[in-house]
Amino acid sequence: MKGVKLESCASTADAMQKVQEMDRDDVAAIGNASSGKLYGLQAIQGNIANQSENHTRFIVVCNSRQHRKPNRKPYSLYRG
């Protein structure tokens, strides 16, 4: 995109938090509606995915074998 500076962030939530902290009209982040509400941000465009089935997957890598079942529903917002 011409004239746009892209910046990588650790997560969607991190990007939205940075936008909130900057408090500028010329800065935006891509994320979901619930995260936007959490950080008090205004949605300027919805449904921008370029795929009809757009999913984020997370993989945990460690050096020992561990089995854990998630105790939260899919699509939950997680806080550390």
Protein backbone atom coordinates (compact mmCIF):
# COMPACT_ATOMS: atom_id res chain seq x y z
CA MET A 1 0.00 0.00 0.00
CA LYS A 2 1.44 3.28 -1.08
CA GLY A 3 2.31 5.74 1.66
CA VAL A 4 1.57 3.27 4.47
CA LYS A 5 4.17 2.14 6.99
CA LEU A 6 3.63 -1.45 8.16
CA GLU A 7 4.79 -2.46 11.64
CA SER A 8 4.88 -6.02 12.99
CA CYS A 9 3.48 -6.73 16.45
CA ALA A 10 3.55 -9.76 18.72
CA SER A 11 -0.22 -10.21 18.47
CA THR A 12 -3.45 -8.62 17.33
CA ALA A 13 -4.10 -7.48 20.90
CA ASP A 14 -0.63 -5.91 21.05
CA ALA A 15 -1.29 -4.01 17.83
CA MET A 16 -4.63 -2.72 19.07
CA GLN A 17 -3.16 -1.69 22.40
CA LYS A 18 -0.45 0.29 20.58
CA VAL A 19 -3.07 2.05 18.47
CA GLN A 20 -5.01 2.93 21.63
CA GLU A 21 -1.89 4.27 23.36
CA MET A 22 -0.85 6.36 20.32
CA ASP A 23 -4.30 8.03 20.20
CA ARG A 24 -3.87 9.22 16.61
CA ASP A 25 -6.37 9.35 13.74
CA ASP A 26 -3.79 8.25 11.16
CA VAL A 27 -2.88 4.91 12.81
CA ALA A 28 -4.86 1.64 12.51
CA ALA A 29 -4.62 -2.05 13.39
CA ILE A 30 -6.27 -5.12 11.89
CA GLY A 31 -8.18 -7.19 14.43
CA ASN A 32 -11.52 -8.56 15.54
CA ALA A 33 -14.48 -6.57 16.81
CA SER A 34 -14.28 -7.80 20.40
CA SER A 35 -10.64 -6.70 20.71
CA GLY A 36 -11.56 -3.35 19.22
CA LYS A 37 -14.25 -2.88 21.85
CA LEU A 38 -11.86 -3.98 24.60
CA TYR A 39 -9.44 -1.19 23.63
CA GLY A 40 -12.14 1.37 22.85
CA LEU A 41 -11.29 1.55 19.14
CA GLN A 42 -13.64 2.45 16.30
CA ALA A 43 -14.06 -0.06 13.45
CA ILE A 44 -13.53 1.64 10.09
CA GLN A 45 -14.09 -1.43 7.85
CA GLY A 46 -15.40 -4.92 8.54
CA ASN A 47 -15.00 -8.28 6.80
CA ILE A 48 -11.62 -7.53 5.21
CA ALA A 49 -10.41 -11.17 5.10
CA ASN A 50 -9.23 -12.24 1.67
CA GLN A 51 -10.37 -15.84 2.31
CA SER A 52 -13.84 -17.09 3.21
CA GLU A 53 -12.41 -19.55 5.77
CA ASN A 54 -9.83 -17.44 7.61
CA HIS A 55 -8.49 -19.09 10.79
CA THR A 56 -5.61 -18.41 13.15
CA ARG A 57 -3.84 -21.43 14.60
CA PHE A 58 -1.42 -21.52 17.49
CA ILE A 59 1.22 -24.17 18.07
CA VAL A 60 3.05 -24.68 21.34
CA VAL A 61 6.57 -26.08 20.98
CA CYS A 62 8.48 -27.47 23.95
CA ASN A 63 11.26 -29.97 24.62
CA SER A 64 9.19 -32.33 26.79
CA ARG A 65 6.00 -34.23 26.07
CA GLN A 66 2.92 -32.61 27.57
CA HIS A 67 -0.76 -33.24 26.98
CA ARG A 68 -3.30 -30.60 27.88
CA LYS A 69 -6.87 -30.15 26.87
CA PRO A 70 -8.06 -26.57 26.42
CA ASN A 71 -10.45 -25.55 29.16
CA ARG A 72 -11.83 -22.62 27.21
CA LYS A 73 -14.21 -22.43 24.30
CA PRO A 74 -12.81 -21.74 20.82
CA TYR A 75 -12.84 -18.08 19.79
CA SER A 76 -12.34 -16.90 23.38
CA LEU A 77 -10.25 -13.86 24.18
CA TYR A 78 -7.31 -14.91 26.32
CA ARG A 79 -5.35 -12.71 28.70
CA GLY A 80 -1.97 -13.62 30.15
